[in-house]
Each structure stands twice: as structure tokens, then as C-alpha cells.
Protein backbone atom coordinates (compact mmCIF):
# COMPACT_ATOMS: atom_id res chain seq x y z
CA MET A 1 -36.14 -7.66 -6.83
CA ARG A 2 -35.83 -11.38 -7.42
CA TYR A 3 -33.43 -13.30 -9.64
CA GLU A 4 -32.54 -16.90 -10.31
CA THR A 5 -28.87 -16.13 -9.63
CA ILE A 6 -26.90 -13.26 -8.12
CA VAL A 7 -23.18 -13.22 -8.91
CA ILE A 8 -21.04 -11.23 -6.47
CA GLY A 9 -18.00 -9.80 -8.22
CA ALA A 10 -17.58 -8.58 -11.81
CA GLY A 11 -13.98 -9.61 -12.36
CA GLN A 12 -12.88 -12.45 -14.60
CA ALA A 13 -14.67 -15.08 -12.49
CA GLY A 14 -17.96 -13.22 -12.19
CA LEU A 15 -18.12 -12.32 -15.88
CA THR A 16 -17.29 -15.89 -16.91
CA MET A 17 -20.14 -17.11 -14.72
CA GLY A 18 -22.35 -14.51 -16.38
CA TYR A 19 -21.36 -15.84 -19.81
CA TYR A 20 -22.58 -19.33 -18.95
CA LEU A 21 -25.72 -18.07 -17.20
CA LYS A 22 -26.63 -16.05 -20.29
CA GLN A 23 -25.96 -19.00 -22.57
CA ASN A 24 -28.45 -20.96 -20.49
CA LYS A 25 -31.03 -18.13 -20.53
CA LYS A 26 -31.01 -17.63 -16.76
CA ARG A 27 -32.31 -14.48 -15.07
CA PHE A 28 -29.30 -13.15 -13.21
CA LEU A 29 -27.45 -10.04 -12.07
CA ILE A 30 -23.75 -9.41 -11.43
CA LEU A 31 -22.93 -7.06 -8.54
CA ASP A 32 -19.61 -5.28 -8.01
CA LYS A 33 -18.51 -2.55 -5.62
CA GLY A 34 -16.02 -1.12 -8.14
CA GLN A 35 -16.59 1.97 -10.23
CA ALA A 36 -15.53 0.40 -13.52
CA LEU A 37 -15.01 -2.99 -15.11
CA GLY A 38 -11.36 -4.05 -15.12
CA GLU A 39 -10.65 -1.68 -12.22
CA VAL A 40 -8.62 -4.23 -10.24
CA TRP A 41 -6.30 -4.73 -13.19
CA LYS A 42 -5.92 -1.02 -13.99
CA ASN A 43 -5.02 -0.25 -10.38
CA ARG A 44 -2.03 -2.60 -10.32
CA TYR A 45 1.56 -1.45 -10.90
CA ASP A 46 2.21 0.20 -14.24
CA SER A 47 4.80 -2.22 -15.59
CA LEU A 48 2.80 -5.38 -14.88
CA LYS A 49 2.81 -7.98 -17.62
CA LEU A 50 1.23 -11.40 -17.32
CA PHE A 51 3.54 -14.41 -17.46
CA THR A 52 0.80 -16.36 -19.23
CA PRO A 53 0.64 -15.59 -22.98
CA ARG A 54 -2.47 -14.30 -24.72
CA MET A 55 -3.48 -17.77 -25.89
CA TYR A 56 -3.89 -18.72 -22.20
CA SER A 57 -5.23 -15.36 -20.97
CA SER A 58 -8.73 -15.21 -22.41
CA LEU A 59 -12.17 -16.12 -21.14
CA PRO A 60 -14.71 -18.48 -22.78
CA GLY A 61 -16.18 -17.23 -26.03
CA LEU A 62 -13.83 -14.31 -26.74
CA PRO A 63 -10.14 -14.73 -27.67
CA LEU A 64 -7.72 -12.03 -26.57
CA ASP A 65 -6.51 -10.09 -29.61
CA GLY A 66 -2.82 -9.86 -30.50
CA LYS A 67 0.13 -12.20 -30.92
CA GLN A 68 -0.98 -15.36 -29.15
CA GLN A 69 2.49 -16.23 -27.83
CA GLY A 70 2.99 -12.64 -26.55
CA PHE A 71 2.43 -11.50 -22.98
CA PRO A 72 -0.37 -9.00 -22.34
CA SER A 73 -0.08 -5.87 -20.17
CA LYS A 74 -2.38 -5.07 -17.27
CA ASN A 75 -4.20 -2.35 -19.29
CA GLU A 76 -4.76 -4.79 -22.12
CA ILE A 77 -6.46 -7.19 -19.71
CA ALA A 78 -8.48 -4.39 -18.09
CA ASN A 79 -9.80 -3.32 -21.49
CA TYR A 80 -10.49 -6.94 -22.41
CA ILE A 81 -12.57 -7.43 -19.25
CA LYS A 82 -14.72 -4.42 -20.21
CA ARG A 83 -15.04 -5.62 -23.81
CA TYR A 84 -16.01 -9.10 -22.63
CA SER A 85 -18.94 -7.73 -20.62
CA GLU A 86 -20.07 -5.53 -23.52
CA THR A 87 -19.72 -8.29 -26.13
CA PHE A 88 -22.12 -10.59 -24.30
CA ALA A 89 -24.29 -7.77 -22.86
CA LEU A 90 -23.88 -9.05 -19.32
CA PRO A 91 -26.09 -7.37 -16.68
CA VAL A 92 -23.57 -5.75 -14.31
CA GLU A 93 -24.49 -3.38 -11.49
CA LEU A 94 -21.40 -1.35 -10.49
CA ASN A 95 -20.91 0.78 -7.36
CA THR A 96 -22.92 -1.83 -5.49
CA GLU A 97 -21.30 -3.20 -2.36
CA VAL A 98 -22.72 -6.34 -0.80
CA LEU A 99 -23.33 -5.77 2.91
CA SER A 100 -24.69 -9.19 3.83
CA VAL A 101 -25.91 -12.47 2.40
CA THR A 102 -28.40 -14.46 4.47
CA LYS A 103 -30.66 -17.43 3.72
CA ASP A 104 -34.14 -18.43 4.76
CA GLU A 105 -35.88 -21.70 3.89
CA GLU A 106 -36.31 -20.82 0.23
CA ASP A 107 -34.20 -17.86 -0.89
CA PHE A 108 -31.00 -15.97 -0.31
CA CYS A 109 -31.31 -12.35 0.72
CA VAL A 110 -28.52 -10.15 -0.67
CA GLU A 111 -28.42 -6.77 1.05
CA THR A 112 -26.44 -4.10 -0.80
CA THR A 113 -25.82 -0.38 -0.79
CA LYS A 114 -28.41 -0.18 -3.59
CA GLY A 115 -31.15 -2.22 -2.00
CA ILE A 116 -32.09 -5.82 -1.30
CA PHE A 117 -32.15 -8.64 -3.84
CA TYR A 118 -33.71 -12.10 -3.46
CA THR A 119 -32.34 -15.06 -5.37
CA THR A 120 -32.35 -18.84 -5.59
CA ASN A 121 -28.61 -19.07 -6.22
CA VAL A 122 -25.61 -17.01 -5.14
CA VAL A 123 -22.19 -17.29 -6.80
CA VAL A 124 -19.43 -15.65 -4.76
CA ALA A 125 -16.84 -14.59 -7.34
CA THR A 126 -14.91 -11.99 -5.37
CA GLY A 127 -11.52 -13.54 -6.19
CA PRO A 128 -8.42 -14.06 -4.06
CA PHE A 129 -7.40 -10.38 -3.84
CA GLN A 130 -9.68 -9.00 -1.14
CA LYS A 131 -7.91 -7.71 1.97
CA LYS A 132 -4.23 -6.81 1.80
CA TRP A 133 -2.03 -8.60 4.35
CA ILE A 134 0.91 -6.80 5.94
CA PRO A 135 2.95 -8.17 8.91
CA ALA A 136 1.96 -6.72 12.28
CA PHE A 137 5.48 -5.47 12.98
CA SER A 138 5.07 -2.89 10.20
CA SER A 139 3.35 -0.64 12.75
CA SER A 140 6.55 -0.63 14.86
CA LEU A 141 8.55 0.98 12.08
CA SER A 142 9.35 4.68 11.89
CA GLU A 143 6.91 7.06 10.24
CA ASN A 144 9.86 8.22 8.15
CA ILE A 145 9.78 4.94 6.23
CA LEU A 146 7.45 4.99 3.25
CA GLN A 147 5.43 1.77 3.30
CA LEU A 148 3.21 0.59 0.45
CA HIS A 149 1.44 -2.68 -0.20
CA SER A 150 2.05 -4.02 -3.70
CA SER A 151 -1.62 -3.28 -4.51
CA GLU A 152 -0.90 0.41 -3.80
CA TYR A 153 2.38 0.59 -5.73
CA ARG A 154 2.24 2.05 -9.24
CA ASN A 155 5.77 3.16 -10.11
CA SER A 156 9.02 4.45 -8.63
CA SER A 157 7.84 8.07 -8.51
CA GLN A 158 5.84 7.23 -5.38
CA LEU A 159 8.97 6.43 -3.38
CA GLN A 160 11.23 8.77 -1.47
CA GLN A 161 15.00 9.05 -1.76
CA GLY A 162 17.05 6.13 -0.49
CA ASN A 163 17.00 2.37 -0.70
CA VAL A 164 13.97 0.08 -1.01
CA LEU A 165 13.12 -3.26 0.53
CA VAL A 166 10.60 -5.44 -1.27
CA VAL A 167 9.13 -8.09 1.03
CA GLY A 168 7.65 -11.16 -0.65
CA GLY A 169 9.00 -13.87 -2.93
CA GLY A 170 6.17 -14.18 -5.46
CA ASN A 171 6.15 -13.00 -9.05
CA SER A 172 4.76 -9.57 -8.17
CA GLY A 173 7.52 -8.95 -5.64
CA ALA A 174 10.12 -10.15 -8.13
CA GLN A 175 8.83 -7.91 -10.93
CA ILE A 176 8.62 -4.84 -8.68
CA ALA A 177 12.12 -5.44 -7.28
CA VAL A 178 13.60 -5.78 -10.76
CA GLU A 179 11.92 -2.57 -11.89
CA LEU A 180 13.11 -0.58 -8.85
CA SER A 181 16.65 -1.95 -9.08
CA GLU A 182 17.17 0.14 -12.20
CA GLU A 183 16.92 3.29 -10.06
CA LYS A 184 17.49 2.37 -6.42
CA GLU A 185 19.55 0.24 -4.09
CA THR A 186 17.16 -2.68 -3.86
CA TYR A 187 16.74 -5.57 -1.43
CA LEU A 188 14.28 -8.46 -1.75
CA ALA A 189 13.25 -10.42 1.36
CA ILE A 190 12.09 -13.96 0.67
CA SER A 191 11.32 -16.92 2.92
CA LYS A 192 12.95 -19.57 0.73
CA LYS A 193 15.40 -19.86 -2.14
CA PRO A 194 13.69 -18.80 -5.38
CA ARG A 195 12.92 -21.36 -8.05
CA TYR A 196 13.16 -20.00 -11.57
CA PHE A 197 11.16 -21.13 -14.59
CA PRO A 198 11.69 -19.86 -18.15
CA LEU A 199 8.95 -17.84 -19.83
CA THR A 200 9.66 -19.47 -23.18
CA ILE A 201 11.31 -22.66 -24.44
CA GLY A 202 12.17 -22.97 -28.11
CA GLY A 203 10.24 -19.83 -28.94
CA MET A 204 7.02 -21.11 -27.35
CA SER A 205 5.56 -20.10 -24.01
CA VAL A 206 6.34 -22.49 -21.19
CA PHE A 207 2.57 -22.69 -20.64
CA TRP A 208 2.22 -24.10 -24.16
CA TRP A 209 4.62 -26.87 -23.17
CA LEU A 210 2.85 -27.41 -19.83
CA ASP A 211 -0.44 -27.69 -21.69
CA LYS A 212 0.98 -30.25 -24.12
CA LEU A 213 2.34 -32.26 -21.18
CA GLY A 214 -1.05 -32.17 -19.44
CA ILE A 215 0.28 -30.25 -16.41
CA LEU A 216 -2.31 -27.48 -16.74
CA LYS A 217 -5.08 -30.04 -16.42
CA VAL A 218 -3.90 -31.81 -13.25
CA THR A 219 -6.46 -31.56 -10.45
CA ASN A 220 -5.94 -30.37 -6.89
CA THR A 221 -6.53 -33.91 -5.61
CA SER A 222 -3.99 -35.65 -7.86
CA PHE A 223 -0.46 -36.49 -6.72
CA ILE A 224 1.09 -33.99 -9.14
CA GLY A 225 -1.48 -31.36 -8.21
CA ARG A 226 -0.79 -31.73 -4.50
CA LEU A 227 2.95 -31.53 -5.17
CA LEU A 228 2.64 -28.39 -7.30
CA ARG A 229 0.39 -26.74 -4.73
CA LYS A 230 2.86 -27.50 -1.94
CA LYS A 231 5.78 -26.08 -3.90
CA GLY A 232 3.98 -22.90 -4.91
CA ASP A 233 4.58 -20.89 -8.07
CA PRO A 234 8.14 -20.45 -9.34
CA ILE A 235 9.51 -17.09 -10.46
CA PHE A 236 8.80 -16.94 -14.17
CA GLY A 237 11.51 -15.50 -16.41
CA SER A 238 15.17 -14.72 -15.76
CA ASP A 239 15.01 -11.00 -14.89
CA LEU A 240 15.31 -11.50 -11.13
CA LYS A 241 17.99 -14.16 -11.49
CA ASN A 242 20.07 -11.86 -13.68
CA ALA A 243 19.56 -8.85 -11.39
CA VAL A 244 20.77 -10.86 -8.38
CA LYS A 245 23.74 -12.20 -10.35
CA GLU A 246 24.69 -8.66 -11.36
CA TRP A 247 24.32 -7.40 -7.74
CA ALA A 248 21.50 -5.05 -8.75
CA ILE A 249 19.31 -6.79 -6.14
CA THR A 250 20.45 -8.18 -2.80
CA LEU A 251 18.46 -11.14 -1.53
CA LYS A 252 17.62 -11.27 2.17
CA GLY A 253 15.92 -13.96 4.24
CA ARG A 254 12.44 -13.74 5.69
CA ALA A 255 11.67 -10.41 7.39
CA VAL A 256 10.73 -11.29 10.99
CA SER A 257 10.56 -8.00 12.91
CA GLY A 258 11.24 -4.31 12.75
CA ALA A 259 11.66 -1.24 14.91
CA TYR A 260 12.31 2.41 14.18
CA ASN A 261 14.10 2.54 10.82
CA GLN A 262 15.41 -1.06 10.73
CA VAL A 263 14.04 -4.41 9.59
CA THR A 264 15.40 -7.63 11.09
CA PHE A 265 15.67 -10.84 9.08
CA GLU A 266 15.62 -14.50 10.10
CA ASP A 267 19.42 -14.68 10.14
CA SER A 268 19.42 -11.83 12.72
CA THR A 269 20.89 -9.31 10.29
CA ARG A 270 19.35 -5.85 10.17
CA LEU A 271 18.80 -3.34 7.41
CA GLU A 272 18.11 0.36 7.67
CA VAL A 273 15.46 1.17 5.08
CA LYS A 274 13.80 4.21 3.54
CA ASN A 275 11.06 2.50 1.51
CA ILE A 276 9.23 -0.81 1.87
CA ILE A 277 6.98 -2.51 -0.67
CA TRP A 278 4.93 -5.24 1.02
CA ALA A 279 4.38 -7.85 -1.71
CA THR A 280 2.94 -10.09 0.97
CA GLY A 281 -0.35 -11.03 -0.62
CA PHE A 282 -3.94 -10.93 0.49
CA GLN A 283 -6.38 -12.49 2.90
CA GLN A 284 -9.84 -13.64 1.90
CA GLU A 285 -12.59 -11.96 3.87
CA TYR A 286 -16.21 -13.05 4.07
CA GLU A 287 -17.62 -11.21 7.09
CA TRP A 288 -20.65 -10.29 5.00
CA LEU A 289 -21.43 -13.96 4.24
CA LYS A 290 -23.81 -14.73 7.10
CA VAL A 291 -24.77 -18.26 6.10
CA ASP A 292 -24.04 -21.03 8.60
CA GLY A 293 -22.07 -24.07 7.51
CA VAL A 294 -19.85 -22.61 4.80
CA ILE A 295 -16.84 -21.29 6.76
CA ASP A 296 -14.79 -23.58 9.01
CA GLN A 297 -12.95 -22.83 12.27
CA ARG A 298 -9.85 -21.72 10.32
CA LYS A 299 -12.05 -19.21 8.44
CA LYS A 300 -11.65 -21.24 5.25
CA LEU A 301 -14.50 -21.78 2.82
CA ILE A 302 -16.10 -25.23 2.80
CA HIS A 303 -16.70 -26.41 -0.76
CA ASN A 304 -16.06 -29.13 -3.28
CA ARG A 305 -14.96 -27.65 -6.60
CA GLY A 306 -16.87 -24.49 -5.75
CA ILE A 307 -20.07 -26.19 -4.62
CA SER A 308 -20.81 -25.42 -0.98
CA PRO A 309 -22.77 -27.64 1.44
CA ILE A 310 -25.62 -25.10 1.25
CA GLU A 311 -27.88 -25.68 -1.72
CA GLY A 312 -27.66 -22.81 -4.18
CA LEU A 313 -24.44 -21.29 -2.80
CA TYR A 314 -21.33 -21.48 -4.99
CA PHE A 315 -17.77 -20.12 -5.07
CA LEU A 316 -15.74 -19.29 -8.15
CA GLY A 317 -12.23 -17.99 -8.85
CA LEU A 318 -10.51 -19.46 -5.80
CA PRO A 319 -6.83 -20.50 -5.99
CA TRP A 320 -6.62 -24.21 -6.79
CA GLN A 321 -10.41 -24.53 -6.72
CA SER A 322 -10.01 -27.55 -8.99
CA ARG A 323 -6.67 -26.99 -10.75
CA ARG A 324 -3.75 -24.56 -10.80
CA GLY A 325 -5.41 -22.02 -13.09
CA SER A 326 -8.70 -21.80 -11.21
CA SER A 327 -8.10 -18.22 -10.11
CA LEU A 328 -6.54 -17.18 -13.43
CA LEU A 329 -8.00 -16.09 -16.74
CA GLN A 330 -6.99 -19.34 -18.42
CA GLY A 331 -8.67 -21.63 -15.90
CA VAL A 332 -11.74 -19.96 -14.44
CA GLY A 333 -13.98 -21.02 -17.31
CA TYR A 334 -13.50 -24.69 -16.48
CA ASP A 335 -14.89 -24.18 -12.97
CA ALA A 336 -17.71 -21.89 -14.13
CA LYS A 337 -18.86 -24.58 -16.58
CA TYR A 338 -18.83 -27.15 -13.78
CA ILE A 339 -21.00 -24.89 -11.59
CA ILE A 340 -23.56 -24.12 -14.31
CA ASP A 341 -23.87 -27.84 -15.07
CA HIS A 342 -24.49 -28.48 -11.37
CA MET A 343 -27.15 -25.77 -11.30
CA LYS A 344 -28.94 -27.31 -14.30
CA ASN A 345 -28.89 -30.77 -12.75
CA THR A 346 -30.13 -29.65 -9.34
CA THR A 347 -33.84 -29.79 -8.74
CA LYS A 348 -35.17 -26.72 -6.97
């Protein structure tokens, strides 16, 4: 089967690409190995709420229903993803895992668990959450410690009796630690002192203010963009700050090693633990992408705003692809529009 474009991934990036492809009357197909649209969102922890309000959490062409300054839940976003695909009748093939992508002189060959597809263009929209990353020393810990990656954590009922150590200083780790601190003795291991940012200022989302100040539009190559990227995301909201102040959560330094039932931190202190949540993020994995010239020696993708050096091969939904929101609902449309414009202006 031959298409003009194959999009790999039916999350927010892949569906946004599909929206623009359909607007431009292209013959395309979106492939995804999941069983249902919005699956990645539904499988995250139960209490998850976005720190971006609804007005900055929708995709092109379809506003997210509800109070625009309110913060949507994970199930709300999962349902929205499904509704987005249905609203624009996007051609999505689920339960279809991509095994390899190769290229000859003219076409890309996309081999999947449901057959082989040939296409002029490939858009890799698999997102930043691909392969969970857990420190190697986790295997040295006792089998009596319950260990879960944040992508596997749903709620406190999964944990056993005793304390819990959450490892990771991002917003997911902070939210999970705050939730667990209501029931358990909770520790949070972070590599640097947390920076806090309010969710709202004067009754308006902080993202509304950042938008008005032009911060959301700064590019990854600008001075401000490079500075923001270097600093990383702050912890949004005051829940963690208050929990630490009230001694509901004890902050620890970076977790550096572990053995038996103890974890050692960078200040050489040790903690005996019963449960660990690894909020340590993900690694991108492209072993199936067998096209020369698109992955460097550090295993990083080679691209300029999502356009690879190989004609017809594109990437979408990467962190800081062009700006801070490139991997988020509020920013992926900007990059998808850039890619479709490039496709239209490229002579095949």
C-alpha cells in the first residue's frame, strides 16, 4: 500500500500532523501501536492534572471544552484526543507497531506488524515518552522494595506498607510525592534545589501572563530560549513547597547508589526504604529507524525544526523542537504547520 505520507504515532503530535495533512488533501495514514487513542494519557497516574490551563491545552481546530482558565485532568485530555481524531475523521491504524523504516532511491518502506507500507514522506511523531529510564543501581536493591516507574504508578493502593522515596525533581515527581505524603512517610530525591512558579497570578494562569509577555513564543535558538532550556522547568504551584514546609515531605539530594534495602544520596546519607517511585523520565529510542544520516554519535536526532537531512523524513513533538511548548498540546501545532508548509514547498 502506498501513501504520500505515513505518520508514526497517534498522540497529540501525530493527530495534529494529520489535521494539517487532511486540510491539504494529502493521502496519508497514521500508525500507532496502542490499542486506543489517548491511551498514553489514560495510563498515567490517577490524580494527574495539567499545569497548563484549557486555553493552552488544545490542538489546532478544536478548542478544549470547559472553563478556559481551569486545569484539565488526564482523562479529560485522553477523551479530547479521541474526539479530535473523530471530529476530523483522521485515518488512524491502531495496534500497528512499526518494526523498521528504510529508504531506497524514491520511497520509504515502513514495515509493521500489519504489513508493509510505501510512502514519499514519513513523519515520526512518537513523542518524548518512549523508553522509561531507571538508574542502573536499582537492580542492586532488595526484592523486598517495591519499585515502580512513574509511568507505572496509578495511585497509593499499589504500594506496600512503609515509607516511600520518590526519585526525580520534575513536576510529575512533585505531584506524586505530594499525593503520597497524605498517607505515607514520604521522601523526594532531587538533584538541585527546586524552583517554584505559581500556577496563577491575579486569577489568571501564569501561562496567560507568559503568553502576553511573549515568553511562550521564544525560540530554542534565542538567548532567552537557551536560558530557559538550560534551567529546565520549574515546579508549578505551591503544593510541594507547602508540604516540605509542613514536614510532610523530606527533601533529599540526588540518589547515587543503592544496595539491599538502602538508597545512598550525594551527601553520603542513607535511607532504608520500602517503596520507590522512579520519576526519572524517559529515553528516546529509534532502533527501528534504519535510515542513515539522521542519528548522530550521541544517538540524538539530526534535524532543524523537525526537518531532517533526508528528504521526506520529518520529526514532530520533540522537546524544544522550536520552542518550549513543542512537545506539549499548546505548542505542537506550530511545528506541524511548519512541516506541512515545507512539504508543500518541496518539489518531489
